[in-house]
Amino acid sequence: MHRKRGEGVKNGKKPTLKQKKLMRCHGLDPDAWLVTKDTTETLEVVNRVSLKRIGKPKLRRLSKEI
């Protein structure tokens, strides 16, 4: 099964120190997540393990308001 163009997840990046602190505040382990989108309101992360599996990867949107 092939993914269509534009479908799926963009390449995740290693989180910065500030992003890691935000992930910990939301109860996530920063070593298990990659950052896919960082906006002023939210931080979108994807699970490293779920990227290796076939199917839909596990995504989370974290609010930067705490």
C-alpha atoms as a PDB file:
ATOM      1  CA  MET A   1       0.000   0.000   0.000  1.00  0.00           C
ATOM      2  CA  HIS A   2       1.487   3.316  -1.079  1.00  0.00           C
ATOM      3  CA  ARG A   3       0.847   6.662   0.508  1.00  0.00           C
ATOM      4  CA  LYS A   4      -0.452   9.443  -1.685  1.00  0.00           C
ATOM      5  CA  ARG A   5       1.629  12.555  -2.111  1.00  0.00           C
ATOM      6  CA  GLY A   6       1.000  15.056   0.678  1.00  0.00           C
ATOM      7  CA  GLU A   7      -0.439  12.360   2.917  1.00  0.00           C
ATOM      8  CA  GLY A   8       1.222  11.241   6.124  1.00  0.00           C
ATOM      9  CA  VAL A   9       3.715  12.928   8.381  1.00  0.00           C
ATOM     10  CA  LYS A  10       6.566  15.258   7.532  1.00  0.00           C
ATOM     11  CA  ASN A  11      10.050  14.482   8.799  1.00  0.00           C
ATOM     12  CA  GLY A  12      10.251  14.853  12.550  1.00  0.00           C
ATOM     13  CA  LYS A  13      13.090  16.759  14.225  1.00  0.00           C
ATOM     14  CA  LYS A  14      14.739  16.243  17.592  1.00  0.00           C
ATOM     15  CA  PRO A  15      13.133  18.527  20.198  1.00  0.00           C
ATOM     16  CA  THR A  16      14.990  21.521  21.623  1.00  0.00           C
ATOM     17  CA  LEU A  17      15.456  21.975  25.374  1.00  0.00           C
ATOM     18  CA  LYS A  18      12.439  24.313  25.555  1.00  0.00           C
ATOM     19  CA  GLN A  19      10.298  21.810  23.629  1.00  0.00           C
ATOM     20  CA  LYS A  20      11.471  18.958  25.887  1.00  0.00           C
ATOM     21  CA  LYS A  21      10.370  20.924  28.971  1.00  0.00           C
ATOM     22  CA  LEU A  22       6.930  21.459  27.400  1.00  0.00           C
ATOM     23  CA  MET A  23       6.622  17.734  26.613  1.00  0.00           C
ATOM     24  CA  ARG A  24       7.493  16.828  30.205  1.00  0.00           C
ATOM     25  CA  CYS A  25       4.805  19.243  31.456  1.00  0.00           C
ATOM     26  CA  HIS A  26       2.287  17.320  29.319  1.00  0.00           C
ATOM     27  CA  GLY A  27       3.486  13.962  30.665  1.00  0.00           C
ATOM     28  CA  LEU A  28       5.394  12.812  27.563  1.00  0.00           C
ATOM     29  CA  ASP A  29       8.903  11.332  27.411  1.00  0.00           C
ATOM     30  CA  PRO A  30      10.883  13.644  25.052  1.00  0.00           C
ATOM     31  CA  ASP A  31      13.155  10.763  23.986  1.00  0.00           C
ATOM     32  CA  ALA A  32      10.163   8.950  22.462  1.00  0.00           C
ATOM     33  CA  TRP A  33       8.758  11.881  20.438  1.00  0.00           C
ATOM     34  CA  LEU A  34       9.839  13.966  17.411  1.00  0.00           C
ATOM     35  CA  VAL A  35       8.634  17.497  16.593  1.00  0.00           C
ATOM     36  CA  THR A  36       6.775  17.830  13.276  1.00  0.00           C
ATOM     37  CA  LYS A  37       5.319  21.341  13.647  1.00  0.00           C
ATOM     38  CA  ASP A  38       6.021  24.189  16.055  1.00  0.00           C
ATOM     39  CA  THR A  39       3.614  27.136  15.942  1.00  0.00           C
ATOM     40  CA  THR A  40       3.062  29.966  18.409  1.00  0.00           C
ATOM     41  CA  GLU A  41       0.035  28.206  19.965  1.00  0.00           C
ATOM     42  CA  THR A  42       0.809  24.481  19.616  1.00  0.00           C
ATOM     43  CA  LEU A  43       3.592  21.941  19.316  1.00  0.00           C
ATOM     44  CA  GLU A  44       2.818  18.925  17.114  1.00  0.00           C
ATOM     45  CA  VAL A  45       4.789  15.774  17.911  1.00  0.00           C
ATOM     46  CA  VAL A  46       4.868  12.223  16.530  1.00  0.00           C
ATOM     47  CA  ASN A  47       5.871   9.040  18.329  1.00  0.00           C
ATOM     48  CA  ARG A  48       9.186   7.550  17.115  1.00  0.00           C
ATOM     49  CA  VAL A  49       8.018   3.938  17.425  1.00  0.00           C
ATOM     50  CA  SER A  50       4.761   4.485  15.548  1.00  0.00           C
ATOM     51  CA  LEU A  51       6.657   5.923  12.555  1.00  0.00           C
ATOM     52  CA  LYS A  52       8.316   2.540  12.007  1.00  0.00           C
ATOM     53  CA  ARG A  53       5.003   0.665  11.937  1.00  0.00           C
ATOM     54  CA  ILE A  54       2.766   0.448   8.905  1.00  0.00           C
ATOM     55  CA  GLY A  55      -0.375   2.505   9.309  1.00  0.00           C
ATOM     56  CA  LYS A  56      -1.205   5.829  10.841  1.00  0.00           C
ATOM     57  CA  PRO A  57       1.469   7.187  13.215  1.00  0.00           C
ATOM     58  CA  LYS A  58       0.533   8.472  16.676  1.00  0.00           C
ATOM     59  CA  LEU A  59       0.319  12.296  16.641  1.00  0.00           C
ATOM     60  CA  ARG A  60      -0.228  14.692  19.540  1.00  0.00           C
ATOM     61  CA  ARG A  61      -0.878  18.437  19.584  1.00  0.00           C
ATOM     62  CA  LEU A  62       0.370  20.107  22.749  1.00  0.00           C
ATOM     63  CA  SER A  63      -0.900  23.515  23.819  1.00  0.00           C
ATOM     64  CA  LYS A  64       1.832  25.961  24.788  1.00  0.00           C
ATOM     65  CA  GLU A  65      -0.463  27.585  27.358  1.00  0.00           C
ATOM     66  CA  ILE A  66       0.156  26.196  30.822  1.00  0.00           C
END
